[in-house]
Amino acid sequence: MSSGTPASTKPRSRVAFLGFVCGLAGLAALAVSAIGYRLAWWPVTTALSLAEGGAYAAVAGLVLSLAGFLLGLRRRAGRGMVLGLLGLIAALPVVVLAGHWVYATRHYPPINDISTDTEDPPIFWDMPNPSEYPGGRTAELQRANYPDLDSLNLQAAPERVFALALEIAQDSGWEVVAEAPGEGRIEAVVTSRLYGFKDEVVIRIEAGDGATVVL
């Protein structure tokens, strides 16, 4: 007779351990993907490919960790329960984020530019690499999917509206590239938290019929 871990607990611990490793691999792949892109180690296509691989690893880790945790819980195997729980903690954030990406690709239109005025959109003047609203098919998809997106009419002087818009942009953490009160124009860059993607924003403020219009 020998002492040690009973043989019946080994399969449960192995399943939980494998799930933990897969969960960590998924989390690490996502982190490396984002860090590498921010540091310009690779293009966005490589970053997204790494993230996709990490998502698959995290899904496998989630399933295996859950199985290992439940098996450990059933047989009161503490090691399997702990490893399973740690694997779930590591895999779940990546799986949730991947699920959000999948949902977005299936439920949102394939456009990366919107404007509150599709007929006469605001123009960038001070961006290093300015882009123009493409119109055409993009405008059609925008109107079909965001019918309520429109300019804002405010009962306040243009100067006051400009100051408020600039304050909101600064308080939101946007990088203000240009502010031209005389033209009623604000240009800013919004940086995403994970990958640091840069989105350019232009705000146009002009006097309308008895109101100030924000586009």
N, C-alpha and C. Protein backbone atom coordinates (compact mmCIF):
# COMPACT_ATOMS: atom_id res chain seq x y z
N MET A 1 0.86 -1.19 0.00
CA MET A 1 0.00 0.00 0.00
C MET A 1 0.89 1.24 0.00
N SER A 2 0.56 2.22 -0.82
CA SER A 2 1.38 3.43 -0.90
C SER A 2 0.50 4.64 -0.68
N SER A 3 1.09 5.72 -0.17
CA SER A 3 0.35 6.95 0.06
C SER A 3 0.48 7.86 -1.15
N GLY A 4 -0.34 8.94 -1.19
CA GLY A 4 -0.28 9.89 -2.30
C GLY A 4 -1.66 10.17 -2.83
N THR A 5 -1.72 10.88 -3.96
CA THR A 5 -3.00 11.25 -4.56
C THR A 5 -3.66 10.03 -5.15
N PRO A 6 -4.94 9.75 -4.83
CA PRO A 6 -5.62 8.61 -5.42
C PRO A 6 -5.65 8.71 -6.93
N ALA A 7 -5.55 7.55 -7.57
CA ALA A 7 -5.52 7.54 -9.04
C ALA A 7 -6.78 8.11 -9.64
N SER A 8 -7.92 7.98 -8.91
CA SER A 8 -9.20 8.45 -9.46
C SER A 8 -9.26 9.96 -9.58
N THR A 9 -8.38 10.69 -8.83
CA THR A 9 -8.41 12.15 -8.91
C THR A 9 -7.56 12.68 -10.05
N LYS A 10 -6.67 11.87 -10.59
CA LYS A 10 -5.76 12.36 -11.63
C LYS A 10 -6.46 12.83 -12.90
N PRO A 11 -7.43 12.06 -13.43
CA PRO A 11 -8.10 12.55 -14.64
C PRO A 11 -8.77 13.90 -14.43
N ARG A 12 -9.40 14.08 -13.26
CA ARG A 12 -10.07 15.35 -13.00
C ARG A 12 -9.05 16.49 -12.93
N SER A 13 -7.93 16.25 -12.25
CA SER A 13 -6.91 17.27 -12.14
C SER A 13 -6.28 17.57 -13.50
N ARG A 14 -6.10 16.56 -14.31
CA ARG A 14 -5.51 16.78 -15.63
C ARG A 14 -6.44 17.60 -16.51
N VAL A 15 -7.73 17.30 -16.47
CA VAL A 15 -8.69 18.08 -17.25
C VAL A 15 -8.68 19.53 -16.81
N ALA A 16 -8.72 19.74 -15.49
CA ALA A 16 -8.72 21.10 -14.96
C ALA A 16 -7.41 21.81 -15.29
N PHE A 17 -6.30 21.10 -15.19
CA PHE A 17 -5.00 21.71 -15.49
C PHE A 17 -4.91 22.11 -16.96
N LEU A 18 -5.38 21.22 -17.84
CA LEU A 18 -5.36 21.54 -19.27
C LEU A 18 -6.24 22.74 -19.57
N GLY A 19 -7.39 22.82 -18.90
CA GLY A 19 -8.26 23.97 -19.07
C GLY A 19 -7.60 25.25 -18.60
N PHE A 20 -6.90 25.15 -17.47
CA PHE A 20 -6.19 26.31 -16.94
C PHE A 20 -5.11 26.79 -17.91
N VAL A 21 -4.36 25.85 -18.48
CA VAL A 21 -3.31 26.20 -19.43
C VAL A 21 -3.91 26.86 -20.67
N CYS A 22 -5.01 26.30 -21.19
CA CYS A 22 -5.66 26.87 -22.38
C CYS A 22 -6.21 28.26 -22.08
N GLY A 23 -6.79 28.43 -20.89
CA GLY A 23 -7.30 29.74 -20.51
C GLY A 23 -6.20 30.78 -20.43
N LEU A 24 -5.08 30.41 -19.82
CA LEU A 24 -3.94 31.33 -19.75
C LEU A 24 -3.38 31.64 -21.13
N ALA A 25 -3.34 30.61 -22.01
CA ALA A 25 -2.83 30.83 -23.36
C ALA A 25 -3.71 31.81 -24.12
N GLY A 26 -5.02 31.68 -23.96
CA GLY A 26 -5.93 32.61 -24.63
C GLY A 26 -5.75 34.02 -24.14
N LEU A 27 -5.63 34.18 -22.82
CA LEU A 27 -5.44 35.51 -22.24
C LEU A 27 -4.10 36.10 -22.68
N ALA A 28 -3.06 35.28 -22.70
CA ALA A 28 -1.74 35.75 -23.11
C ALA A 28 -1.72 36.14 -24.58
N ALA A 29 -2.40 35.36 -25.42
CA ALA A 29 -2.43 35.67 -26.85
C ALA A 29 -3.11 37.01 -27.10
N LEU A 30 -4.20 37.27 -26.37
CA LEU A 30 -4.90 38.55 -26.53
C LEU A 30 -4.02 39.71 -26.08
N ALA A 31 -3.35 39.54 -24.94
CA ALA A 31 -2.48 40.60 -24.43
C ALA A 31 -1.32 40.87 -25.37
N VAL A 32 -0.66 39.81 -25.84
CA VAL A 32 0.47 39.97 -26.77
C VAL A 32 0.00 40.61 -28.07
N SER A 33 -1.18 40.20 -28.54
CA SER A 33 -1.74 40.78 -29.76
C SER A 33 -1.89 42.29 -29.64
N ALA A 34 -2.48 42.75 -28.53
CA ALA A 34 -2.72 44.17 -28.33
C ALA A 34 -1.43 44.94 -28.10
N ILE A 35 -0.56 44.39 -27.26
CA ILE A 35 0.71 45.08 -26.96
C ILE A 35 1.58 45.19 -28.21
N GLY A 36 1.65 44.10 -28.97
CA GLY A 36 2.45 44.12 -30.19
C GLY A 36 1.95 45.13 -31.20
N TYR A 37 0.63 45.25 -31.31
CA TYR A 37 0.08 46.23 -32.25
C TYR A 37 0.37 47.66 -31.78
N ARG A 38 0.19 47.90 -30.48
CA ARG A 38 0.46 49.24 -29.95
C ARG A 38 1.92 49.65 -30.13
N LEU A 39 2.83 48.66 -30.05
CA LEU A 39 4.26 48.94 -30.19
C LEU A 39 4.73 48.84 -31.64
N ALA A 40 3.78 48.64 -32.56
CA ALA A 40 4.08 48.57 -33.99
C ALA A 40 4.98 47.39 -34.34
N TRP A 41 4.83 46.28 -33.60
CA TRP A 41 5.60 45.08 -33.92
C TRP A 41 5.00 44.38 -35.13
N TRP A 42 3.71 44.51 -35.35
CA TRP A 42 3.04 43.84 -36.46
C TRP A 42 1.79 44.61 -36.87
N PRO A 43 1.29 44.37 -38.08
CA PRO A 43 0.10 45.08 -38.56
C PRO A 43 -1.16 44.57 -37.89
N VAL A 44 -2.26 45.24 -38.16
CA VAL A 44 -3.53 44.89 -37.53
C VAL A 44 -3.99 43.49 -37.91
N THR A 45 -3.67 43.05 -39.13
CA THR A 45 -4.09 41.71 -39.55
C THR A 45 -3.43 40.63 -38.68
N THR A 46 -2.14 40.81 -38.39
CA THR A 46 -1.45 39.87 -37.52
C THR A 46 -2.01 39.92 -36.10
N ALA A 47 -2.28 41.13 -35.62
CA ALA A 47 -2.84 41.28 -34.28
C ALA A 47 -4.18 40.57 -34.15
N LEU A 48 -5.02 40.72 -35.15
CA LEU A 48 -6.34 40.09 -35.10
C LEU A 48 -6.24 38.58 -35.25
N SER A 49 -5.27 38.10 -36.02
CA SER A 49 -5.07 36.66 -36.15
C SER A 49 -4.64 36.06 -34.81
N LEU A 50 -3.75 36.76 -34.10
CA LEU A 50 -3.34 36.30 -32.78
C LEU A 50 -4.52 36.30 -31.81
N ALA A 51 -5.33 37.33 -31.89
CA ALA A 51 -6.50 37.41 -31.02
C ALA A 51 -7.49 36.29 -31.33
N GLU A 52 -7.64 35.96 -32.60
CA GLU A 52 -8.55 34.87 -32.98
C GLU A 52 -8.05 33.54 -32.41
N GLY A 53 -6.75 33.29 -32.54
CA GLY A 53 -6.19 32.07 -31.96
C GLY A 53 -6.39 32.04 -30.46
N GLY A 54 -6.20 33.18 -29.82
CA GLY A 54 -6.42 33.25 -28.39
C GLY A 54 -7.86 32.98 -28.00
N ALA A 55 -8.79 33.42 -28.84
CA ALA A 55 -10.21 33.18 -28.56
C ALA A 55 -10.53 31.70 -28.61
N TYR A 56 -9.98 30.99 -29.60
CA TYR A 56 -10.21 29.54 -29.68
C TYR A 56 -9.61 28.83 -28.46
N ALA A 57 -8.42 29.25 -28.06
CA ALA A 57 -7.79 28.64 -26.88
C ALA A 57 -8.62 28.91 -25.63
N ALA A 58 -9.16 30.12 -25.53
CA ALA A 58 -9.96 30.48 -24.36
C ALA A 58 -11.26 29.68 -24.31
N VAL A 59 -11.89 29.46 -25.46
CA VAL A 59 -13.12 28.66 -25.49
C VAL A 59 -12.83 27.24 -25.01
N ALA A 60 -11.74 26.66 -25.53
CA ALA A 60 -11.34 25.32 -25.08
C ALA A 60 -11.04 25.33 -23.59
N GLY A 61 -10.36 26.37 -23.13
CA GLY A 61 -10.05 26.47 -21.72
C GLY A 61 -11.29 26.59 -20.86
N LEU A 62 -12.29 27.34 -21.36
CA LEU A 62 -13.53 27.50 -20.62
C LEU A 62 -14.25 26.17 -20.45
N VAL A 63 -14.34 25.42 -21.54
CA VAL A 63 -15.04 24.12 -21.50
C VAL A 63 -14.30 23.14 -20.59
N LEU A 64 -12.99 23.03 -20.76
CA LEU A 64 -12.21 22.08 -19.96
C LEU A 64 -12.17 22.48 -18.49
N SER A 65 -12.05 23.76 -18.23
CA SER A 65 -12.00 24.22 -16.84
C SER A 65 -13.33 23.96 -16.15
N LEU A 66 -14.42 24.20 -16.85
CA LEU A 66 -15.74 23.94 -16.28
C LEU A 66 -15.91 22.45 -15.99
N ALA A 67 -15.47 21.63 -16.95
CA ALA A 67 -15.57 20.18 -16.75
C ALA A 67 -14.71 19.74 -15.57
N GLY A 68 -13.49 20.25 -15.49
CA GLY A 68 -12.60 19.89 -14.39
C GLY A 68 -13.13 20.36 -13.05
N PHE A 69 -13.72 21.56 -13.03
CA PHE A 69 -14.29 22.08 -11.78
C PHE A 69 -15.47 21.23 -11.32
N LEU A 70 -16.37 20.89 -12.24
CA LEU A 70 -17.54 20.09 -11.88
C LEU A 70 -17.15 18.68 -11.43
N LEU A 71 -16.16 18.11 -12.12
CA LEU A 71 -15.68 16.78 -11.71
C LEU A 71 -15.04 16.83 -10.33
N GLY A 72 -14.26 17.88 -10.11
CA GLY A 72 -13.63 18.03 -8.80
C GLY A 72 -14.66 18.27 -7.72
N LEU A 73 -15.69 19.06 -8.02
CA LEU A 73 -16.74 19.34 -7.06
C LEU A 73 -17.52 18.07 -6.71
N ARG A 74 -17.74 17.25 -7.72
CA ARG A 74 -18.51 16.01 -7.50
C ARG A 74 -17.77 15.04 -6.60
N ARG A 75 -16.45 14.94 -6.79
CA ARG A 75 -15.65 13.98 -6.01
C ARG A 75 -14.86 14.64 -4.88
N ARG A 76 -15.14 15.93 -4.65
CA ARG A 76 -14.47 16.67 -3.58
C ARG A 76 -12.95 16.67 -3.76
N ALA A 77 -12.53 16.86 -5.00
CA ALA A 77 -11.10 16.95 -5.32
C ALA A 77 -10.71 18.43 -5.34
N GLY A 78 -10.09 18.87 -4.26
CA GLY A 78 -9.80 20.29 -4.12
C GLY A 78 -8.89 20.84 -5.21
N ARG A 79 -7.88 20.08 -5.61
CA ARG A 79 -6.94 20.57 -6.62
C ARG A 79 -7.65 20.80 -7.95
N GLY A 80 -8.50 19.86 -8.34
CA GLY A 80 -9.24 20.02 -9.59
C GLY A 80 -10.18 21.20 -9.55
N MET A 81 -10.82 21.43 -8.39
CA MET A 81 -11.73 22.57 -8.25
C MET A 81 -10.99 23.89 -8.37
N VAL A 82 -9.83 23.98 -7.70
CA VAL A 82 -9.06 25.23 -7.73
C VAL A 82 -8.54 25.51 -9.13
N LEU A 83 -7.97 24.50 -9.80
CA LEU A 83 -7.46 24.70 -11.16
C LEU A 83 -8.59 25.04 -12.11
N GLY A 84 -9.73 24.37 -11.94
CA GLY A 84 -10.87 24.66 -12.80
C GLY A 84 -11.36 26.08 -12.63
N LEU A 85 -11.41 26.54 -11.39
CA LEU A 85 -11.85 27.91 -11.13
C LEU A 85 -10.87 28.93 -11.71
N LEU A 86 -9.58 28.67 -11.53
CA LEU A 86 -8.57 29.58 -12.09
C LEU A 86 -8.64 29.61 -13.61
N GLY A 87 -8.88 28.45 -14.23
CA GLY A 87 -9.02 28.40 -15.68
C GLY A 87 -10.22 29.18 -16.16
N LEU A 88 -11.33 29.10 -15.41
CA LEU A 88 -12.52 29.87 -15.77
C LEU A 88 -12.25 31.36 -15.68
N ILE A 89 -11.56 31.76 -14.62
CA ILE A 89 -11.24 33.19 -14.45
C ILE A 89 -10.35 33.70 -15.58
N ALA A 90 -9.41 32.87 -16.04
CA ALA A 90 -8.50 33.29 -17.11
C ALA A 90 -9.20 33.32 -18.46
N ALA A 91 -10.07 32.34 -18.73
CA ALA A 91 -10.68 32.21 -20.05
C ALA A 91 -11.89 33.11 -20.26
N LEU A 92 -12.65 33.34 -19.21
CA LEU A 92 -13.93 34.03 -19.37
C LEU A 92 -13.82 35.42 -19.99
N PRO A 93 -12.88 36.30 -19.57
CA PRO A 93 -12.80 37.62 -20.19
C PRO A 93 -12.55 37.56 -21.70
N VAL A 94 -11.70 36.63 -22.13
CA VAL A 94 -11.40 36.51 -23.56
C VAL A 94 -12.63 36.00 -24.32
N VAL A 95 -13.33 35.03 -23.74
CA VAL A 95 -14.53 34.48 -24.39
C VAL A 95 -15.61 35.55 -24.50
N VAL A 96 -15.80 36.33 -23.45
CA VAL A 96 -16.81 37.40 -23.48
C VAL A 96 -16.47 38.43 -24.54
N LEU A 97 -15.20 38.83 -24.60
CA LEU A 97 -14.77 39.81 -25.60
C LEU A 97 -14.93 39.26 -27.01
N ALA A 98 -14.56 38.00 -27.21
CA ALA A 98 -14.72 37.37 -28.53
C ALA A 98 -16.19 37.28 -28.90
N GLY A 99 -17.04 36.96 -27.93
CA GLY A 99 -18.47 36.91 -28.20
C GLY A 99 -19.02 38.26 -28.62
N HIS A 100 -18.51 39.31 -27.98
CA HIS A 100 -18.94 40.67 -28.35
C HIS A 100 -18.53 41.00 -29.78
N TRP A 101 -17.30 40.61 -30.16
CA TRP A 101 -16.83 40.85 -31.53
C TRP A 101 -17.70 40.11 -32.55
N VAL A 102 -18.01 38.84 -32.25
CA VAL A 102 -18.84 38.05 -33.16
C VAL A 102 -20.23 38.68 -33.28
N TYR A 103 -20.79 39.09 -32.17
CA TYR A 103 -22.11 39.73 -32.20
C TYR A 103 -22.07 41.00 -33.05
N ALA A 104 -21.02 41.81 -32.87
CA ALA A 104 -20.91 43.06 -33.61
C ALA A 104 -20.82 42.82 -35.11
N THR A 105 -20.03 41.83 -35.52
CA THR A 105 -19.88 41.57 -36.96
C THR A 105 -21.17 41.08 -37.59
N ARG A 106 -22.02 40.46 -36.80
CA ARG A 106 -23.26 39.90 -37.34
C ARG A 106 -24.45 40.85 -37.25
N HIS A 107 -24.38 41.84 -36.37
CA HIS A 107 -25.54 42.68 -36.14
C HIS A 107 -25.34 44.15 -36.52
N TYR A 108 -24.11 44.55 -36.79
CA TYR A 108 -23.86 45.94 -37.17
C TYR A 108 -23.43 46.01 -38.63
N PRO A 109 -23.75 47.11 -39.32
CA PRO A 109 -23.41 47.22 -40.74
C PRO A 109 -21.89 47.29 -40.94
N PRO A 110 -21.39 46.80 -42.07
CA PRO A 110 -19.95 46.80 -42.35
C PRO A 110 -19.44 48.17 -42.80
N ILE A 111 -19.56 49.16 -41.93
CA ILE A 111 -19.07 50.50 -42.24
C ILE A 111 -18.20 50.97 -41.07
N ASN A 112 -17.25 51.84 -41.37
CA ASN A 112 -16.39 52.36 -40.30
C ASN A 112 -16.37 53.88 -40.28
N ASP A 113 -17.43 54.47 -40.85
CA ASP A 113 -17.53 55.93 -40.86
C ASP A 113 -19.00 56.31 -40.81
N ILE A 114 -19.33 57.27 -39.97
CA ILE A 114 -20.70 57.75 -39.89
C ILE A 114 -20.69 59.27 -39.81
N SER A 115 -21.81 59.88 -40.16
CA SER A 115 -21.94 61.33 -40.10
C SER A 115 -23.39 61.68 -39.82
N THR A 116 -23.59 62.74 -39.04
CA THR A 116 -24.95 63.20 -38.78
C THR A 116 -25.52 63.97 -39.96
N ASP A 117 -24.68 64.25 -40.94
CA ASP A 117 -25.12 64.92 -42.17
C ASP A 117 -24.49 64.17 -43.34
N THR A 118 -25.22 63.23 -43.92
CA THR A 118 -24.67 62.43 -45.01
C THR A 118 -24.63 63.19 -46.33
N GLU A 119 -25.37 64.28 -46.44
CA GLU A 119 -25.38 65.06 -47.68
C GLU A 119 -24.24 66.08 -47.72
N ASP A 120 -23.97 66.69 -46.56
CA ASP A 120 -22.89 67.68 -46.48
C ASP A 120 -22.11 67.43 -45.19
N PRO A 121 -21.34 66.35 -45.13
CA PRO A 121 -20.66 65.98 -43.88
C PRO A 121 -19.55 66.97 -43.52
N PRO A 122 -19.26 67.10 -42.21
CA PRO A 122 -18.14 67.95 -41.79
C PRO A 122 -16.83 67.46 -42.41
N ILE A 123 -15.90 68.37 -42.60
CA ILE A 123 -14.63 68.06 -43.27
C ILE A 123 -13.47 68.22 -42.30
N PHE A 124 -12.53 67.29 -42.37
CA PHE A 124 -11.29 67.41 -41.59
C PHE A 124 -10.33 68.36 -42.30
N TRP A 125 -9.72 69.25 -41.53
CA TRP A 125 -8.76 70.18 -42.09
C TRP A 125 -7.38 70.06 -41.45
N ASP A 126 -7.33 69.60 -40.23
CA ASP A 126 -6.06 69.62 -39.49
C ASP A 126 -5.53 68.25 -39.12
N MET A 127 -6.20 67.19 -39.49
CA MET A 127 -5.69 65.85 -39.21
C MET A 127 -4.46 65.54 -40.06
N PRO A 128 -3.47 64.84 -39.51
CA PRO A 128 -2.29 64.47 -40.30
C PRO A 128 -2.66 63.62 -41.52
N ASN A 129 -3.61 62.71 -41.33
CA ASN A 129 -4.07 61.86 -42.43
C ASN A 129 -5.59 61.93 -42.51
N PRO A 130 -6.11 63.04 -42.99
CA PRO A 130 -7.57 63.23 -42.98
C PRO A 130 -8.28 62.26 -43.92
N SER A 131 -9.47 61.89 -43.52
CA SER A 131 -10.31 61.03 -44.35
C SER A 131 -11.62 61.73 -44.65
N GLU A 132 -12.24 61.35 -45.72
CA GLU A 132 -13.51 61.94 -46.11
C GLU A 132 -14.63 60.92 -45.94
N TYR A 133 -15.81 61.42 -45.61
CA TYR A 133 -16.96 60.53 -45.51
C TYR A 133 -17.23 59.95 -46.90
N PRO A 134 -17.27 58.61 -47.02
CA PRO A 134 -17.36 58.01 -48.35
C PRO A 134 -18.70 58.20 -49.05
N GLY A 135 -19.77 58.40 -48.27
CA GLY A 135 -21.09 58.54 -48.89
C GLY A 135 -21.51 57.27 -49.60
N GLY A 136 -22.33 57.40 -50.65
CA GLY A 136 -22.72 56.25 -51.45
C GLY A 136 -23.32 55.12 -50.63
N ARG A 137 -22.74 53.92 -50.77
CA ARG A 137 -23.24 52.73 -50.08
C ARG A 137 -23.14 52.89 -48.57
N THR A 138 -22.09 53.56 -48.10
CA THR A 138 -21.93 53.78 -46.67
C THR A 138 -23.09 54.60 -46.11
N ALA A 139 -23.45 55.65 -46.84
CA ALA A 139 -24.57 56.49 -46.41
C ALA A 139 -25.88 55.70 -46.41
N GLU A 140 -26.07 54.85 -47.40
CA GLU A 140 -27.29 54.03 -47.46
C GLU A 140 -27.37 53.09 -46.27
N LEU A 141 -26.27 52.42 -45.97
CA LEU A 141 -26.25 51.50 -44.83
C LEU A 141 -26.44 52.24 -43.52
N GLN A 142 -25.87 53.41 -43.41
CA GLN A 142 -26.02 54.19 -42.19
C GLN A 142 -27.48 54.59 -41.98
N ARG A 143 -28.12 55.11 -43.02
CA ARG A 143 -29.51 55.53 -42.90
C ARG A 143 -30.42 54.35 -42.59
N ALA A 144 -30.11 53.17 -43.15
CA ALA A 144 -30.95 52.00 -42.93
C ALA A 144 -30.80 51.45 -41.51
N ASN A 145 -29.58 51.52 -40.96
CA ASN A 145 -29.32 50.92 -39.65
C ASN A 145 -29.38 51.92 -38.50
N TYR A 146 -29.16 53.19 -38.80
CA TYR A 146 -29.22 54.21 -37.75
C TYR A 146 -30.14 55.35 -38.20
N PRO A 147 -31.42 55.07 -38.36
CA PRO A 147 -32.34 56.09 -38.89
C PRO A 147 -32.51 57.29 -37.96
N ASP A 148 -32.23 57.12 -36.66
CA ASP A 148 -32.41 58.21 -35.70
C ASP A 148 -31.17 59.08 -35.55
N LEU A 149 -30.08 58.72 -36.23
CA LEU A 149 -28.86 59.51 -36.12
C LEU A 149 -29.02 60.81 -36.91
N ASP A 150 -28.96 61.92 -36.21
CA ASP A 150 -29.20 63.21 -36.85
C ASP A 150 -28.40 64.29 -36.13
N SER A 151 -28.38 65.47 -36.70
CA SER A 151 -27.72 66.60 -36.06
C SER A 151 -28.50 67.03 -34.82
N LEU A 152 -27.84 67.82 -33.98
CA LEU A 152 -28.42 68.25 -32.71
C LEU A 152 -28.73 69.73 -32.78
N ASN A 153 -29.96 70.10 -32.44
CA ASN A 153 -30.38 71.49 -32.44
C ASN A 153 -30.50 71.97 -30.99
N LEU A 154 -29.78 73.02 -30.65
CA LEU A 154 -29.77 73.53 -29.28
C LEU A 154 -30.17 75.00 -29.24
N GLN A 155 -30.92 75.34 -28.21
CA GLN A 155 -31.33 76.73 -28.02
C GLN A 155 -30.28 77.46 -27.19
N ALA A 156 -29.15 77.71 -27.81
CA ALA A 156 -28.05 78.41 -27.15
C ALA A 156 -27.18 79.06 -28.22
N ALA A 157 -26.41 80.05 -27.82
CA ALA A 157 -25.55 80.75 -28.76
C ALA A 157 -24.46 79.81 -29.26
N PRO A 158 -24.03 79.96 -30.52
CA PRO A 158 -22.97 79.09 -31.07
C PRO A 158 -21.71 79.08 -30.22
N GLU A 159 -21.34 80.24 -29.66
CA GLU A 159 -20.14 80.30 -28.86
C GLU A 159 -20.25 79.43 -27.61
N ARG A 160 -21.43 79.45 -26.99
CA ARG A 160 -21.66 78.64 -25.80
C ARG A 160 -21.66 77.15 -26.14
N VAL A 161 -22.30 76.82 -27.25
CA VAL A 161 -22.34 75.41 -27.68
C VAL A 161 -20.94 74.92 -28.01
N PHE A 162 -20.14 75.75 -28.65
CA PHE A 162 -18.76 75.36 -28.98
C PHE A 162 -17.97 75.07 -27.70
N ALA A 163 -18.10 75.95 -26.72
CA ALA A 163 -17.37 75.77 -25.47
C ALA A 163 -17.80 74.48 -24.77
N LEU A 164 -19.09 74.19 -24.79
CA LEU A 164 -19.58 72.97 -24.15
C LEU A 164 -19.10 71.72 -24.89
N ALA A 165 -19.13 71.78 -26.23
CA ALA A 165 -18.67 70.64 -27.02
C ALA A 165 -17.19 70.37 -26.78
N LEU A 166 -16.40 71.42 -26.70
CA LEU A 166 -14.97 71.27 -26.45
C LEU A 166 -14.73 70.70 -25.06
N GLU A 167 -15.51 71.15 -24.09
CA GLU A 167 -15.36 70.66 -22.73
C GLU A 167 -15.70 69.16 -22.65
N ILE A 168 -16.76 68.77 -23.33
CA ILE A 168 -17.15 67.35 -23.34
C ILE A 168 -16.06 66.50 -23.98
N ALA A 169 -15.51 66.96 -25.09
CA ALA A 169 -14.45 66.22 -25.77
C ALA A 169 -13.23 66.05 -24.86
N GLN A 170 -12.85 67.09 -24.16
CA GLN A 170 -11.69 67.03 -23.27
C GLN A 170 -11.97 66.13 -22.06
N ASP A 171 -13.17 66.26 -21.50
CA ASP A 171 -13.53 65.44 -20.34
C ASP A 171 -13.63 63.96 -20.71
N SER A 172 -13.91 63.67 -21.98
CA SER A 172 -14.02 62.29 -22.44
C SER A 172 -12.66 61.67 -22.74
N GLY A 173 -11.61 62.46 -22.61
CA GLY A 173 -10.27 61.94 -22.85
C GLY A 173 -9.86 61.95 -24.31
N TRP A 174 -10.59 62.69 -25.15
CA TRP A 174 -10.21 62.77 -26.56
C TRP A 174 -8.98 63.66 -26.72
N GLU A 175 -8.18 63.34 -27.71
CA GLU A 175 -7.04 64.19 -28.05
C GLU A 175 -7.50 65.25 -29.04
N VAL A 176 -7.64 66.47 -28.56
CA VAL A 176 -8.12 67.56 -29.42
C VAL A 176 -6.99 68.01 -30.33
N VAL A 177 -7.19 67.84 -31.62
CA VAL A 177 -6.17 68.20 -32.61
C VAL A 177 -6.33 69.65 -33.06
N ALA A 178 -7.56 70.12 -33.17
CA ALA A 178 -7.80 71.48 -33.62
C ALA A 178 -9.09 72.00 -33.01
N GLU A 179 -9.06 73.27 -32.63
CA GLU A 179 -10.27 73.96 -32.18
C GLU A 179 -10.30 75.34 -32.84
N ALA A 180 -11.34 75.56 -33.63
CA ALA A 180 -11.46 76.81 -34.38
C ALA A 180 -12.80 77.43 -34.07
N PRO A 181 -12.89 78.24 -33.02
CA PRO A 181 -14.18 78.83 -32.63
C PRO A 181 -14.81 79.67 -33.74
N GLY A 182 -13.97 80.41 -34.49
CA GLY A 182 -14.52 81.23 -35.56
C GLY A 182 -15.18 80.42 -36.65
N GLU A 183 -14.70 79.20 -36.87
CA GLU A 183 -15.28 78.32 -37.89
C GLU A 183 -16.29 77.34 -37.30
N GLY A 184 -16.36 77.30 -35.96
CA GLY A 184 -17.25 76.34 -35.32
C GLY A 184 -16.82 74.91 -35.57
N ARG A 185 -15.52 74.66 -35.51
CA ARG A 185 -15.00 73.33 -35.85
C ARG A 185 -14.07 72.82 -34.76
N ILE A 186 -14.27 71.54 -34.40
CA ILE A 186 -13.41 70.85 -33.45
C ILE A 186 -13.00 69.52 -34.09
N GLU A 187 -11.71 69.22 -34.07
CA GLU A 187 -11.22 67.94 -34.56
C GLU A 187 -10.50 67.23 -33.43
N ALA A 188 -10.77 65.94 -33.29
CA ALA A 188 -10.19 65.19 -32.18
C ALA A 188 -9.94 63.75 -32.60
N VAL A 189 -9.14 63.06 -31.80
CA VAL A 189 -8.83 61.64 -32.01
C VAL A 189 -9.24 60.88 -30.75
N VAL A 190 -9.98 59.80 -30.97
CA VAL A 190 -10.41 58.93 -29.87
C VAL A 190 -9.63 57.62 -29.98
N THR A 191 -8.96 57.23 -28.91
CA THR A 191 -8.13 56.02 -28.90
C THR A 191 -8.82 54.92 -28.11
N SER A 192 -8.97 53.75 -28.74
CA SER A 192 -9.60 52.62 -28.06
C SER A 192 -8.69 52.10 -26.95
N ARG A 193 -9.27 51.48 -25.93
CA ARG A 193 -8.51 51.11 -24.75
C ARG A 193 -7.58 49.93 -24.98
N LEU A 194 -8.06 48.90 -25.65
CA LEU A 194 -7.27 47.67 -25.75
C LEU A 194 -6.17 47.77 -26.80
N TYR A 195 -6.55 48.02 -28.04
CA TYR A 195 -5.58 48.02 -29.13
C TYR A 195 -5.04 49.41 -29.47
N GLY A 196 -5.66 50.43 -28.95
CA GLY A 196 -5.19 51.77 -29.28
C GLY A 196 -5.56 52.20 -30.69
N PHE A 197 -6.67 51.67 -31.23
CA PHE A 197 -7.12 52.10 -32.54
C PHE A 197 -7.49 53.59 -32.49
N LYS A 198 -7.16 54.31 -33.56
CA LYS A 198 -7.41 55.75 -33.61
C LYS A 198 -8.65 56.04 -34.46
N ASP A 199 -9.63 56.69 -33.85
CA ASP A 199 -10.83 57.14 -34.56
C ASP A 199 -10.83 58.66 -34.62
N GLU A 200 -10.98 59.18 -35.82
CA GLU A 200 -10.98 60.63 -36.00
C GLU A 200 -12.40 61.18 -35.92
N VAL A 201 -12.55 62.28 -35.21
CA VAL A 201 -13.86 62.89 -35.01
C VAL A 201 -13.78 64.36 -35.39
N VAL A 202 -14.77 64.83 -36.13
CA VAL A 202 -14.87 66.25 -36.42
C VAL A 202 -16.28 66.72 -36.04
N ILE A 203 -16.33 67.84 -35.33
CA ILE A 203 -17.60 68.44 -34.91
C ILE A 203 -17.74 69.78 -35.59
N ARG A 204 -18.90 69.99 -36.19
CA ARG A 204 -19.17 71.28 -36.84
C ARG A 204 -20.35 71.93 -36.14
N ILE A 205 -20.17 73.19 -35.77
CA ILE A 205 -21.20 73.94 -35.05
C ILE A 205 -21.53 75.18 -35.86
N GLU A 206 -22.80 75.35 -36.16
CA GLU A 206 -23.21 76.49 -36.98
C GLU A 206 -24.57 77.00 -36.55
N ALA A 207 -24.80 78.26 -36.83
CA ALA A 207 -26.08 78.88 -36.49
C ALA A 207 -27.15 78.42 -37.48
N GLY A 208 -28.32 78.04 -36.93
CA GLY A 208 -29.43 77.62 -37.77
C GLY A 208 -30.59 78.57 -37.63
N ASP A 209 -31.76 78.12 -38.00
CA ASP A 209 -32.97 78.93 -37.89
C ASP A 209 -33.46 78.94 -36.45
N GLY A 210 -33.03 79.94 -35.70
CA GLY A 210 -33.45 80.07 -34.31
C GLY A 210 -32.78 79.12 -33.37
N ALA A 211 -31.75 78.40 -33.82
CA ALA A 211 -31.05 77.43 -32.96
C ALA A 211 -29.62 77.27 -33.43
N THR A 212 -28.83 76.59 -32.64
CA THR A 212 -27.47 76.25 -33.03
C THR A 212 -27.44 74.78 -33.38
N VAL A 213 -26.87 74.46 -34.53
CA VAL A 213 -26.86 73.10 -35.02
C VAL A 213 -25.48 72.48 -34.79
N VAL A 214 -25.47 71.28 -34.21
CA VAL A 214 -24.23 70.54 -33.99
C VAL A 214 -24.23 69.33 -34.89
N LEU A 215 -23.21 69.24 -35.76
CA LEU A 215 -23.12 68.13 -36.70
C LEU A 215 -21.86 67.33 -36.42
